Every structure is written in C-alpha cells, then in structure tokens.
Amino acid sequence: MKVVKTACGLCHLGCGMNIHVDGDRAVKVEGMAEHPLNRGMLCPKGLASIDYVYHPDRLKRPLRKVGERWVEVSWKEALDLIASKLVEAKKLHGARSIAGIIGMPILLGGHSTVSLVRRFFDVLGSPNVFSPESLCYRNQIIAYILTLGKFCVAEPENSNCIVLWGSNPHHSRPPWARRIEEGLSRGAKLIVIDPRRTLFARKASLHLKPRPGSDSALALGMLNVIIQEGLFDREFVEKWTVGFNKLAEHVKTYTLDLVEELTWVPAAEIREAARLFATVKPACIVQGVNALDQTAGGFYTARSIAILQAITGNIDVPGGFIRTSRVHLSPIRLPEKLEGKPLGADQYPLFYECWGRLFGEGQALLLADAILEGNPYPIKAVVASASNPVLTWPNSRKVKRALEVVDFLAVMDIFMTETAELADLVLPASTFLERMELCDYYGTVNGIPYVMLRKEAVKPLWDSWPDWKFYLKLAERMGFKEYFPWSDIADYIDYVLKPSGLTLKLLLEEKPEGVPYGKANYGEYLKTGFKTPTGKIEIYSETLEKMGYSPLPIHLEPSESPRNSPELAKQYPLILVTGSRTLWFLHSQLRNLDKLRSREPEPTVELNPATAKKFQVSDGQWVVVETLRGSIKAKAKITEDIIPEVVNIPHGWRESNVNILTNDKPETHVVGYPALKSYLCRIHTSNTQ
C-alpha cells in the first residue's frame, strides 16, 4: 500500500488529495490536510474519484466510425487517420480551417498541459482553439485588467465586509465557503446579492435579490450612493485613479428610484448595502465564476465591481482585492507560426489581446456558423479534447447540426459523450489519476501562491492515453518533432519549470504535497503603480472609448426582458436562469456515477410557490419549460429560495438539455458572451416524464 499525494481534477479548484494505492489499484481517496486550499476537505465529487476512474463504461480503445458501427482500431491507425485528415484540410482550405476544442480538464492541467495543446495548433498554423472561456471567467479577467491593470481575487478570510455577488460557494467552490466562514467567525459582515436564497444568504446581514440581468444597474446604483455620500477613499482616488469625476457625474443618472425599478431591489436596501460595503474595511466582493458574466451588461458589471473595490481603497490590502506572485515558467506558445487570427478576433479584439497581453483564443460561439455557412471562412476539421459542446454550449441544436456535417471530427474523452457520438474517430483519454501535470493556477484562481504536481497515481487503464501523450505522438506523426523535443511528460515539465528554480524531482519526490511560491502582493501599487497606460486605475477607459465601447460602466438590458421586449414577455412571462452549479456534478460530467446521481436523480426546475400557484404547478410534477428556441421537460422543485417570476435550471442533463432553450447570440458586447442568465420563458404542466 502506498499513498500518492495529488490534485483533484474534477473542477477548476485542484484540491489536494491522498490516493491510497494497493498494488496497481487505487482503493481509497481522502483530502490532503496540508494543502492550503482545501486543508483536508473534499467535496462529494472528489470523494467519488475512484468510482470515476474504474467506471465500466469508460472508453477503452480508439474507435472509428464505419457506417453506423464503431470499429476498434490501434493508436497507430488513429494517429494516421487524424494526421491525414488535418494535412488534407490544411492543403485544401488552409490551417485556419482546422479547429481545436479543449474542455475544462485540459485547462485544469495548468500551464504544462494547455500550453502543449496550444503549441500543437500553433505549429500546425491554426489560430482556432476554443475553450470554456468563450463562455466563462475570461470576461472578468479582461474587465479587471482594463480597470486595474491586473487580475485580482478577493481575500474573504481577512475581510471585515464580504459581498457574495452571484456566487454560491457551497456548491461551486466549497473551499471558498470555508474561507468565508473564517471571515464571518472573526465578525465580518456579509452581503449576499443573488435572486436565490443560498446557504450564505441565510447568514447574511443583507440579502439583495436582483432581477437576473440587472446586476450592472445595481452596481451603478451602489456607486452612486458611495460617491454622492462621500464614502469613497478620497486620498486613494485622487492619487491613484483617473476618470473619477466623470464617473461621479455619470452615476447621477442611476438614481435609486430608477435602479429599484430596473433591479426589483428596494432603494433602501441598495443604500444600506452601499454604505456597509464602503464603511466597513477591509471589504471584498466575491464575484461568481460566470453568473454575472453571462448577461448583456456582464462586462460592465465586472468593471463596476473592480471600481467599487478601488474607490473604497480595497485594492492590494489584506481582506480586499489582491494579486499573488506567479510562478515563472518557460514560454511554450509559438504564435508567430499562426496563419492569421482566430474567429472572433475582429469582432472581439480584447478577447484576443489586451495591451499586448495575448490571450490568443477565438470566440467559440462563432464556430458553428463557420462550419455551417463558411462565415467568415470554412472550418473543415475539428479535434475536441475533454469537451462536450453538444450539451454545454448554447443553442445545442445548432452546435449538433454543425458537428454532424463538419468534414472530420475527432473526440478524445473518458466516456462516450453526446459529442463523441457524432465523431468520425473517438479516442480514450486517461483520467486525472492516470496522468502527470503541473498545477500552477492556485494563485490566479484562488489567490493562494502555491505549486503542485498532479501525479500518475495509477497507470493508464485499458488502452487510454493522457492528453499530453496524444499530442506529443500526433506532433511526431505530423513531422513536428523539432518543435516537440521532449521524450515524455517528465522531460517536458522539467523544461517548463526551468525559470522557476523548481524541478520535477522536488515536486515529485521531496515535496509531493506541493510548495508555496511567492506571496500575496499587499501594497503592490505603492511600488509599481498599476499596469495600465496611465499607471493608475482607469475608471474612465480611453482604450474602451477608442474601440467604440462605453468608457464608463453602463447598464445594458438583456435583449429578452420584461423591459426590453414587453410584447414577448406577455407570451413568455418568466425569467430563465441556466447553468447554476450543483455540488454533485460538473457541467455534463459525473451523472453516470450512482453515488452522485442518487443525490440528484432527475433534472429539476426551481420556482417560487407564487410562480407555481400562478401556473398551477405542484411540487415534483413534470413541467414543460419553453423559450423561443424550443422546450424541455424537468421536474418542478417548488421553493421559497428563489424569487417569484424567475425559474432556475442547471445544465448538463442529457435528457433535459437546457441549452436547447438558449441562444448563441452574443450579448456581452466586449467579449461576445450570450445571455444565459436572463432569457424569457414560460412553463406548463406535463402529463408525461
């Protein structure tokens, strides 16, 4: 029996875990007490890791579709087929006709894995690599950078006033729930802003319940109160910001009467929340991973949150917004080899690059049109790794139609997903317990400067391969060996680590639990200023102005809303929120694990008792939920924990795919996100499941 210290790969956090291995089989999983993020705690997903790894339905060998049948092939045959199809597409249509889709498990591989995949497409010449950030999180990163010159995260454990805004950490980030509890145990005040009554909302000093899609107006109303009542940090604002006077004049138009009308939040509550946040210091806002982003005004909401932190003097202070040291790693990308820019770089240039910082990614919502219509140019081949866009991307029917007709589709995954079923070639991937990767993202995501190695606790099962092996072997097969000189993943990670002073041996043998790296950069601006063109926090953004966007935060009403489309609202009188996280699953994953599925066996739609009464719906009854795009069935869950006129449906259910109801139309102007949190819908009862 041995114990392997590794990092979980079943969500974006990367909690430390101990895997007990008997011979060549993992037999027990427990949280790693010494890991600074989870400190011994694991959520139900992590505790189900062994069931996940040894699930009998895993893909075991490469499969090629021949007619309507799946035929097992060797890895050599699979690599030959992919290589020939990619070479053919590049020869006939150019490198940019080839697209790569990478899912969250690839992103969770940290710099080592995601950069290796991107390097492959760089050398191939294709700029079209898409990730979940076309829908999630990148919006915040860009908004914060354009305002603060850097991406910061909240530090709730040291805060005296914590605002949870569109965030439900008990389900989406359990280790953060503990950090918030630590702040509360010290006497911190808690403000929750959410149309749902979460566990933390029950403990909050204030619970504001805005209409979904109106958070940008709420933020501007809070700014109005803080500025008009002189509750801002005058010294900091005068010395370290630009555009404050323009903001002060601008927010006067967002009177509390107007904001109450827009948000459904009483003016008195808005005023009280603003005063509490501005006067109790230090204070921080924990923004949800994507709840605020996926609305028309999502970009400006994130900008407003950064500005709220700034004008109250809560930047670079313990308990406020902070940035931690980052690990210095070898650059892997080769952007100079790309043939042009990706889809969306022209429409959403800041999504691609900001002040010389190359994000280097396309906007995935444009991929289906490129396949179906050749607009702006054709996409002929797609390689998807650890991604299930048929279920997780908006406008599922359109995505499915596109992937059905693309000339060649290869999918690498752990199970036969809805997307894999459409593929010409399916490849069996190894799970996170069967591969080695560098987890270097703790500082960026969690504000904890830490580095850890995800270990190969057990050898890859059956004939599965880790993603890194697939891309190294495919690169070799395509004649790219000079750009991929590493013999294996150990050799590659040692190369990646060189600038850091760390080594694979250190992280594998001497410090398998990981090592702290750097520190929280309190007072950073006093030494370096802010990495913006002015060297200060840019409340008024000339960058945005020059690009045709509003230089100050504004409220943008969703295209479908009671205010913006009142006639449509007569037919579809309810507001639909999609994609909320549940503790048991991650996106479309893990519903095939019995111990997790038993906790939430069926797809549900949450609605308030008043809404249920109005539409004559009983608790537990199957109902039809319908939008302009289509309809699905789900089981009614009647609860006081959601406001009237709003319904909530998680995504990821094959049998009740909420993305049949959603639209891929970009609504967040700067980054092109859809409005997944604010569509109009209607419900009626169903006699059948």
Foldseek 3Di string as FASTA:
>chain_A
DDWFWFFDLFAQQGFIKIFDDDPQATDAIWGDLPFPQQNTDDFPVRRCVRCVQPPPQWDFAKWFDDPLDTDGDHLVVVLVVVLVVQVVCCVVFNLQLEAEEEESSQVQLPPLRVLLVQQLSLQSQHLAYYYCVLFWQVLLQLLLCLFFVGAWAFQQLQWQEEEEELAQCVFRPVSVVVSNVNNVVVPHAYEYEDLFCHPVNVVHPYYWRWAQQLLLLLLLQLVQLCVVVVLFDVVQCVPFEPDPVVSNVVSVVSHLVNSCVRTVGHSVRSNVVSNSPLPGPDYEYHYHGRSLCFHLQSSLSSNSRSVSCRRSPQELANRYIFAFDFFQWDRQHDNVSHDDAHAPCVQFVSSQPDPNRGPSHHNVLCQLCCQPPCVVHHRAEYEYEADACCQFPFQNVSVLVSLLPRNAYEYEDTHCHPSNSSHSMYAHARGLLADKGKRRCCRVPPVFQWIAIRDNNHHGPNPHYHPSVSSQVSCVVNPNCVSVVAPDSQSSVQNGNVVRPDHPCCRRPVNNNTDGDGTIRRPVCVPQQHNDPVSHRYQQRVVQVVVPHGSHRDRDGGCADCVNCVVLCVVQVAWEAEADGGNLHDAQPDCPRVVSCVVPVWWEKEAEPVQCVVQVHDAQFWKWKAAPQGIAIGGYHYDNRGDHRYMYTYTNDPRGRCSSRGDQQFSHSNSRHHNNGTHGIHMHGDPDD
